[in-house]
Amino acid sequence: MQGNKPVFLVVGLGNPGPEYVGTRHNVGFMAVQDLAGPDATWKNELFAKTCKFDIDGVRVIFAMPQTFMNASGRAVRAIVDYYKIPIENVTVIHDDMDLKLGDMRTKIGGSSAGHNGIKSIDSAIGREYRRIRIGIDHPRDLGLPIDAADWVLGRFTRAQMNEIYKVIEQINL
């Protein structure tokens, strides 16, 4: 807690840098930017870009780790430790190839399902945080001969991006 206010952390996963903007792996970044709003002031701190809001006596910190996806746990751990945020107050938003484009699921804990950003966070803070998984399709389900790593680093079409933002609008923190 910071002062007497409960603190909540909402982390969007992605890769830093302009070359990754609009890629499937950056769905988490897209979500937190949208949730924070167009007037949010982002600052670099603790291995992440963050912005903070006080809403109804609660401090909410939105974060985009700048450590690359596979090392996201380093940034999340630094923020959780610095602000003394209990794991049950952490929400991580990320892409999920096992869900169809436009689908969203929420869960607490569970397997990383091979997602390297989630593996990194699990090893840094444990598994009992809230996850919001946003579907990006899997190339095999679409009959595409594309490697999964290349798929997540590929860009959405305009129509797919519209579907993603429809899902993001449904996120309930």
Protein backbone atom coordinates (compact mmCIF):
# COMPACT_ATOMS: atom_id res chain seq x y z
CA MET A 1 0.00 0.00 0.00
CA GLN A 2 1.06 3.55 -0.64
CA GLY A 3 0.04 5.68 2.31
CA ASN A 4 -3.39 4.32 3.19
CA LYS A 5 -4.48 3.76 -0.40
CA PRO A 6 -4.64 0.27 -1.83
CA VAL A 7 -2.42 0.01 -4.91
CA PHE A 8 -3.33 -2.00 -8.01
CA LEU A 9 -0.97 -2.78 -10.87
CA VAL A 10 -2.22 -3.35 -14.42
CA VAL A 11 0.57 -4.63 -16.68
CA GLY A 12 0.29 -4.86 -20.43
CA LEU A 13 2.79 -7.21 -22.04
CA GLY A 14 4.64 -6.40 -25.23
CA ASN A 15 8.03 -5.59 -26.67
CA PRO A 16 9.46 -2.06 -26.50
CA GLY A 17 10.42 -0.14 -29.60
CA PRO A 18 8.73 1.24 -32.70
CA GLU A 19 9.37 -1.94 -34.72
CA TYR A 20 6.92 -3.83 -32.48
CA VAL A 21 4.04 -1.34 -32.53
CA GLY A 22 0.91 -3.03 -33.87
CA THR A 23 2.27 -6.57 -33.56
CA ARG A 24 0.22 -9.40 -32.09
CA HIS A 25 2.61 -9.78 -29.15
CA ASN A 26 1.95 -6.15 -28.17
CA VAL A 27 -1.76 -6.57 -27.44
CA GLY A 28 -1.06 -5.94 -23.75
CA PHE A 29 0.60 -2.60 -24.51
CA MET A 30 -2.37 -1.63 -26.70
CA ALA A 31 -4.78 -2.50 -23.90
CA VAL A 32 -3.10 -0.55 -21.10
CA GLN A 33 -2.60 2.48 -23.33
CA ASP A 34 -6.29 2.41 -24.22
CA LEU A 35 -7.39 1.83 -20.61
CA ALA A 36 -5.18 4.67 -19.33
CA GLY A 37 -6.65 7.01 -21.94
CA PRO A 38 -5.25 9.47 -24.45
CA ASP A 39 -4.28 12.05 -21.81
CA ALA A 40 -2.18 9.65 -19.72
CA THR A 41 1.32 10.82 -18.87
CA TRP A 42 3.78 7.93 -19.19
CA LYS A 43 7.10 7.99 -17.33
CA ASN A 44 10.07 5.64 -17.41
CA GLU A 45 10.65 3.99 -14.04
CA LEU A 46 11.57 0.59 -12.66
CA PHE A 47 12.23 -1.01 -16.10
CA ALA A 48 8.80 0.08 -17.37
CA LYS A 49 6.77 2.94 -18.75
CA THR A 50 4.15 3.72 -16.12
CA CYS A 51 1.29 6.09 -15.49
CA LYS A 52 -0.60 6.44 -12.23
CA PHE A 53 -4.14 7.41 -11.33
CA ASP A 54 -5.97 7.87 -8.05
CA ILE A 55 -9.53 6.64 -8.50
CA ASP A 56 -12.01 6.57 -5.60
CA GLY A 57 -9.29 6.24 -2.96
CA VAL A 58 -7.35 3.61 -4.91
CA ARG A 59 -4.02 4.07 -6.67
CA VAL A 60 -3.90 2.34 -10.08
CA ILE A 61 -0.56 1.96 -11.85
CA PHE A 62 -0.56 1.02 -15.53
CA ALA A 63 2.74 -0.41 -16.75
CA MET A 64 4.39 -1.48 -19.99
CA PRO A 65 7.64 -3.36 -19.23
CA GLN A 66 10.58 -2.13 -21.30
CA THR A 67 12.58 -5.33 -20.74
CA PHE A 68 11.26 -7.25 -23.78
CA MET A 69 8.61 -9.91 -23.43
CA ASN A 70 10.81 -12.78 -22.19
CA ALA A 71 12.09 -10.72 -19.24
CA SER A 72 8.81 -9.03 -18.23
CA GLY A 73 9.09 -10.48 -14.73
CA ARG A 74 12.05 -8.23 -13.96
CA ALA A 75 9.95 -5.08 -14.43
CA VAL A 76 6.86 -6.50 -12.72
CA ARG A 77 8.92 -7.62 -9.72
CA ALA A 78 10.57 -4.19 -9.41
CA ILE A 79 7.20 -2.40 -9.42
CA VAL A 80 5.53 -4.86 -7.05
CA ASP A 81 8.44 -4.59 -4.58
CA TYR A 82 8.80 -0.80 -4.78
CA TYR A 83 5.09 -0.07 -4.30
CA LYS A 84 4.51 -3.07 -1.99
CA ILE A 85 1.67 -4.36 -4.15
CA PRO A 86 0.12 -7.66 -3.07
CA ILE A 87 0.05 -10.26 -5.85
CA GLU A 88 -3.75 -10.39 -5.73
CA ASN A 89 -3.74 -6.71 -6.81
CA VAL A 90 -1.77 -7.46 -9.99
CA THR A 91 -3.45 -7.87 -13.38
CA VAL A 92 -1.48 -8.84 -16.49
CA ILE A 93 -2.96 -8.38 -19.98
CA HIS A 94 -1.39 -10.43 -22.76
CA ASP A 95 -1.84 -12.09 -26.14
CA ASP A 96 -2.96 -15.70 -26.36
CA MET A 97 -2.58 -17.81 -29.52
CA ASP A 98 -4.86 -20.50 -28.10
CA LEU A 99 -7.82 -18.13 -28.23
CA LYS A 100 -9.52 -17.01 -31.42
CA LEU A 101 -9.10 -13.40 -32.47
CA GLY A 102 -11.71 -11.38 -30.63
CA ASP A 103 -12.02 -13.76 -27.67
CA MET A 104 -11.00 -12.79 -24.16
CA ARG A 105 -10.66 -14.85 -20.99
CA THR A 106 -9.80 -13.93 -17.43
CA LYS A 107 -8.25 -16.25 -14.89
CA ILE A 108 -6.13 -16.29 -11.78
CA GLY A 109 -3.03 -18.47 -11.77
CA GLY A 110 -2.63 -21.52 -13.93
CA SER A 111 -0.18 -22.52 -16.58
CA SER A 112 1.77 -20.13 -18.77
CA ALA A 113 0.77 -22.26 -21.80
CA GLY A 114 4.23 -21.59 -23.22
CA HIS A 115 3.91 -17.78 -23.11
CA ASN A 116 7.42 -16.56 -22.26
CA GLY A 117 6.28 -13.25 -20.76
CA ILE A 118 3.98 -15.11 -18.38
CA LYS A 119 6.72 -17.63 -17.54
CA SER A 120 8.99 -14.72 -16.61
CA ILE A 121 6.36 -13.10 -14.39
CA ASP A 122 5.46 -16.44 -12.77
CA SER A 123 9.09 -16.99 -11.80
CA ALA A 124 9.42 -13.42 -10.50
CA ILE A 125 6.28 -13.04 -8.37
CA GLY A 126 4.41 -16.36 -8.41
CA ARG A 127 1.27 -17.37 -10.29
CA GLU A 128 -1.64 -16.10 -8.24
CA TYR A 129 -2.23 -12.86 -10.12
CA ARG A 130 -5.10 -12.05 -12.47
CA ARG A 131 -4.54 -12.59 -16.17
CA ILE A 132 -6.57 -11.16 -19.02
CA ARG A 133 -5.86 -13.20 -22.14
CA ILE A 134 -6.71 -11.67 -25.52
CA GLY A 135 -6.99 -14.01 -28.49
CA ILE A 136 -4.77 -13.47 -31.51
CA ASP A 137 -5.43 -16.79 -33.31
CA HIS A 138 -2.84 -19.48 -33.99
CA PRO A 139 -1.44 -19.82 -37.52
CA ARG A 140 -1.99 -23.60 -37.48
CA ASP A 141 -5.72 -23.08 -36.81
CA LEU A 142 -5.85 -20.78 -39.81
CA GLY A 143 -3.97 -23.27 -42.00
CA LEU A 144 -1.01 -20.91 -42.33
CA PRO A 145 2.53 -22.31 -42.61
CA ILE A 146 3.99 -19.66 -40.29
CA ASP A 147 6.18 -20.29 -37.26
CA ALA A 148 4.49 -19.22 -34.00
CA ALA A 149 7.36 -16.83 -33.15
CA ASP A 150 7.00 -15.11 -36.52
CA TRP A 151 3.21 -15.00 -36.08
CA VAL A 152 3.28 -13.14 -32.74
CA LEU A 153 5.75 -10.62 -34.15
CA GLY A 154 3.57 -10.05 -37.22
CA ARG A 155 1.21 -7.11 -37.54
CA PHE A 156 -2.56 -7.11 -37.44
CA THR A 157 -4.57 -6.17 -40.50
CA ARG A 158 -6.83 -3.13 -40.10
CA ALA A 159 -9.87 -5.41 -39.69
CA GLN A 160 -8.06 -7.51 -37.05
CA MET A 161 -7.00 -4.35 -35.21
CA ASN A 162 -10.65 -3.27 -35.09
CA GLU A 163 -11.53 -6.65 -33.51
CA ILE A 164 -8.78 -6.24 -30.94
CA TYR A 165 -10.01 -2.81 -29.90
CA LYS A 166 -13.57 -4.14 -29.56
CA VAL A 167 -12.19 -6.70 -27.08
CA ILE A 168 -10.13 -4.09 -25.22
CA GLU A 169 -13.26 -1.96 -24.78
CA GLN A 170 -14.82 -4.90 -22.89
CA ILE A 171 -12.03 -5.16 -20.29
CA ASN A 172 -13.41 -4.64 -16.82
CA LEU A 173 -10.77 -3.88 -14.23
